[in-house]
Structure formats: structure tokens, C-alpha cells
C-alpha atoms as a PDB file:
ATOM      1  CA  MET A   1     106.309 119.404 110.444  1.00  0.00           C
ATOM      2  CA  SER A   2     107.293 117.484 113.499  1.00  0.00           C
ATOM      3  CA  SER A   3     110.245 115.219 112.817  1.00  0.00           C
ATOM      4  CA  LYS A   4     109.447 113.078 115.863  1.00  0.00           C
ATOM      5  CA  LEU A   5     106.536 111.623 113.896  1.00  0.00           C
ATOM      6  CA  ASN A   6     108.881 110.409 111.158  1.00  0.00           C
ATOM      7  CA  SER A   7     109.312 107.172 113.115  1.00  0.00           C
ATOM      8  CA  THR A   8     105.751 106.297 112.072  1.00  0.00           C
ATOM      9  CA  ILE A   9     106.653 106.074 108.380  1.00  0.00           C
ATOM     10  CA  HIS A  10     108.116 103.043 106.656  1.00  0.00           C
ATOM     11  CA  PRO A  11     111.929 102.872 106.986  1.00  0.00           C
ATOM     12  CA  GLN A  12     112.321 102.575 103.190  1.00  0.00           C
ATOM     13  CA  CYS A  13     110.241 105.732 102.748  1.00  0.00           C
ATOM     14  CA  ALA A  14     112.375 107.562 105.314  1.00  0.00           C
ATOM     15  CA  GLU A  15     115.550 106.493 103.497  1.00  0.00           C
ATOM     16  CA  ALA A  16     114.119 107.494 100.112  1.00  0.00           C
ATOM     17  CA  ILE A  17     113.239 110.941 101.508  1.00  0.00           C
ATOM     18  CA  LYS A  18     116.797 111.352 102.839  1.00  0.00           C
ATOM     19  CA  ARG A  19     118.221 110.377  99.430  1.00  0.00           C
ATOM     20  CA  LEU A  20     115.927 112.824  97.653  1.00  0.00           C
ATOM     21  CA  ILE A  21     116.922 115.632 100.025  1.00  0.00           C
ATOM     22  CA  ARG A  22     120.621 114.933  99.362  1.00  0.00           C
ATOM     23  CA  MET A  23     120.153 115.179  95.578  1.00  0.00           C
ATOM     24  CA  LYS A  24     121.327 118.425  94.053  1.00  0.00           C
ATOM     25  CA  ASP A  25     118.449 118.612  91.576  1.00  0.00           C
ATOM     26  CA  PRO A  26     115.889 115.782  91.835  1.00  0.00           C
ATOM     27  CA  GLN A  27     114.299 115.035  88.496  1.00  0.00           C
ATOM     28  CA  PHE A  28     110.698 114.153  87.645  1.00  0.00           C
ATOM     29  CA  ALA A  29     111.457 110.405  87.734  1.00  0.00           C
ATOM     30  CA  ASP A  30     113.075 110.722  91.177  1.00  0.00           C
ATOM     31  CA  LEU A  31     109.969 112.419  92.542  1.00  0.00           C
ATOM     32  CA  VAL A  32     107.534 109.951  90.990  1.00  0.00           C
ATOM     33  CA  ALA A  33     109.630 107.023  92.301  1.00  0.00           C
ATOM     34  CA  LEU A  34     109.211 108.193  95.903  1.00  0.00           C
ATOM     35  CA  LYS A  35     106.539 106.116  97.594  1.00  0.00           C
ATOM     36  CA  THR A  36     105.268 105.369 101.077  1.00  0.00           C
ATOM     37  CA  TYR A  37     105.858 101.585 100.952  1.00  0.00           C
ATOM     38  CA  GLY A  38     102.413 101.003 102.407  1.00  0.00           C
ATOM     39  CA  SER A  39     100.141 102.928 104.727  1.00  0.00           C
ATOM     40  CA  ASP A  40     101.587 105.015 107.525  1.00  0.00           C
ATOM     41  CA  SER A  41     100.146 107.318 110.152  1.00  0.00           C
ATOM     42  CA  TYR A  42      99.881 110.142 107.603  1.00  0.00           C
ATOM     43  CA  SER A  43      98.052 108.069 104.995  1.00  0.00           C
ATOM     44  CA  ALA A  44      94.809 108.078 106.943  1.00  0.00           C
ATOM     45  CA  MET A  45      95.015 111.700 108.057  1.00  0.00           C
ATOM     46  CA  GLY A  46      92.283 113.912 106.733  1.00  0.00           C
ATOM     47  CA  TRP A  47      91.956 117.659 106.572  1.00  0.00           C
ATOM     48  CA  ASP A  48      91.177 118.039 110.287  1.00  0.00           C
ATOM     49  CA  GLN A  49      94.399 116.327 111.375  1.00  0.00           C
ATOM     50  CA  LEU A  50      96.617 117.810 108.680  1.00  0.00           C
ATOM     51  CA  LYS A  51      95.474 121.428 108.978  1.00  0.00           C
ATOM     52  CA  ARG A  52      97.260 121.708 112.329  1.00  0.00           C
ATOM     53  CA  TYR A  53     100.521 121.488 110.372  1.00  0.00           C
ATOM     54  CA  ILE A  54      99.722 124.577 108.321  1.00  0.00           C
ATOM     55  CA  ASN A  55     101.822 127.599 109.267  1.00  0.00           C
ATOM     56  CA  GLU A  56     103.234 130.639 107.453  1.00  0.00           C
ATOM     57  CA  GLN A  57     105.642 128.438 105.515  1.00  0.00           C
ATOM     58  CA  THR A  58     103.251 125.646 104.608  1.00  0.00           C
ATOM     59  CA  VAL A  59     100.369 127.922 103.629  1.00  0.00           C
ATOM     60  CA  VAL A  60     102.204 127.971 100.278  1.00  0.00           C
ATOM     61  CA  VAL A  61     100.949 124.399  99.789  1.00  0.00           C
ATOM     62  CA  VAL A  62      97.343 125.552  99.988  1.00  0.00           C
ATOM     63  CA  GLU A  63      98.072 128.323  97.476  1.00  0.00           C
ATOM     64  CA  GLN A  64      99.789 125.933  95.017  1.00  0.00           C
ATOM     65  CA  PHE A  65      96.892 123.587  94.441  1.00  0.00           C
ATOM     66  CA  GLU A  66      93.202 123.979  93.698  1.00  0.00           C
ATOM     67  CA  ASP A  67      92.391 120.327  94.340  1.00  0.00           C
ATOM     68  CA  GLU A  68      91.983 119.430  98.013  1.00  0.00           C
ATOM     69  CA  ALA A  69      93.386 115.940  97.394  1.00  0.00           C
ATOM     70  CA  ASN A  70      96.661 117.499  96.189  1.00  0.00           C
ATOM     71  CA  ILE A  71      96.802 119.813  99.206  1.00  0.00           C
ATOM     72  CA  LEU A  72      96.312 116.872 101.556  1.00  0.00           C
ATOM     73  CA  SER A  73      98.921 114.824  99.711  1.00  0.00           C
ATOM     74  CA  ALA A  74     101.487 117.621  99.963  1.00  0.00           C
ATOM     75  CA  LEU A  75     100.789 118.065 103.673  1.00  0.00           C
ATOM     76  CA  ARG A  76     101.226 114.322 104.199  1.00  0.00           C
ATOM     77  CA  TRP A  77     104.611 114.437 102.457  1.00  0.00           C
ATOM     78  CA  LEU A  78     105.607 117.371 104.648  1.00  0.00           C
ATOM     79  CA  GLY A  79     104.654 115.297 107.663  1.00  0.00           C
ATOM     80  CA  ARG A  80     106.846 112.477 106.452  1.00  0.00           C
ATOM     81  CA  GLY A  81     109.797 114.847 106.322  1.00  0.00           C
ATOM     82  CA  LEU A  82     109.937 116.059 102.741  1.00  0.00           C
ATOM     83  CA  PRO A  83     110.918 119.743 102.564  1.00  0.00           C
ATOM     84  CA  LEU A  84     108.255 122.158 101.338  1.00  0.00           C
ATOM     85  CA  SER A  85     109.623 122.692  97.829  1.00  0.00           C
ATOM     86  CA  LEU A  86     110.072 118.947  97.259  1.00  0.00           C
ATOM     87  CA  ALA A  87     106.625 118.138  98.658  1.00  0.00           C
ATOM     88  CA  ILE A  88     105.064 120.547  96.170  1.00  0.00           C
ATOM     89  CA  ARG A  89     107.148 119.141  93.306  1.00  0.00           C
ATOM     90  CA  LYS A  90     106.320 115.561  94.359  1.00  0.00           C
ATOM     91  CA  VAL A  91     102.578 116.173  94.280  1.00  0.00           C
ATOM     92  CA  LYS A  92     102.791 118.025  90.960  1.00  0.00           C
ATOM     93  CA  ALA A  93     104.840 115.163  89.474  1.00  0.00           C
ATOM     94  CA  ASP A  94     102.386 112.553  90.745  1.00  0.00           C
ATOM     95  CA  HIS A  95      99.458 114.565  89.409  1.00  0.00           C
ATOM     96  CA  ALA A  96     101.096 114.905  85.997  1.00  0.00           C
ATOM     97  CA  MET A  97     101.989 111.220  85.930  1.00  0.00           C
ATOM     98  CA  TYR A  98      98.718 109.710  87.103  1.00  0.00           C
ATOM     99  CA  ARG A  99      95.870 112.073  86.249  1.00  0.00           C
ATOM    100  CA  TYR A 100      95.545 110.762  82.707  1.00  0.00           C
ATOM    101  CA  LYS A 101      95.684 107.096  83.696  1.00  0.00           C
ATOM    102  CA  THR A 102      92.897 107.270  86.275  1.00  0.00           C
ATOM    103  CA  PRO A 103      90.340 109.867  85.160  1.00  0.00           C
ATOM    104  CA  ASN A 104      87.689 108.579  87.580  1.00  0.00           C
ATOM    105  CA  ARG A 105      90.058 108.471  90.543  1.00  0.00           C
ATOM    106  CA  GLU A 106      88.529 109.823  93.725  1.00  0.00           C
END
């Protein structure tokens, strides 16, 4: 993902991503605690905008998830600067944490 776009995310989100990257082994709670602190330029991006970020490395995201919403979420986190492995773990943690609380979530 292009790091020049990171200036469009909330400063607290950018700092939280840096902290997460510096952690030796981020735990489930660390991943779930990461948030955007409001809408940013990636929040509104749909498939058409995000698919331009898919390359040989990020195609793994598409293979990891069956649900398009999870794919889009992972690509948004990549755009915000989260490394691939952490973006995948973040989305899986969020899915595990929230899927039971909001069964009708769209």
C-alpha cells in the first residue's frame, strides 16, 4: 500500500498502528483495540477503489476470507499502513469478537 496516503488517517490510528507493529507478538486484545478513531479516506472506499491495491503479496487477503466485507476491511487496514499479516489477524480478531454480537450486521 502507498504510505503517502497514511496522512489521511487519524493521527491516533497512525500511532496505534506503529505501536502494534513494534510489538513482538500482538495479542487478540491488542488487535481488537486497534480502531480508526472515526472515518478516514479508506473507510468509504469500496471494492473498485481498493482492488487497485491488490498485488502478488496482498492477493493472500482475498484467499484468507470468504466474506467480501472482511476482504475489504483487510485491504483498508493495509491502506492505513498495517502489515499484511497483522491486517489479516486484525480482521479475523474483529470477526471473532463481533460476529456473535451483531448477527444482522450488514
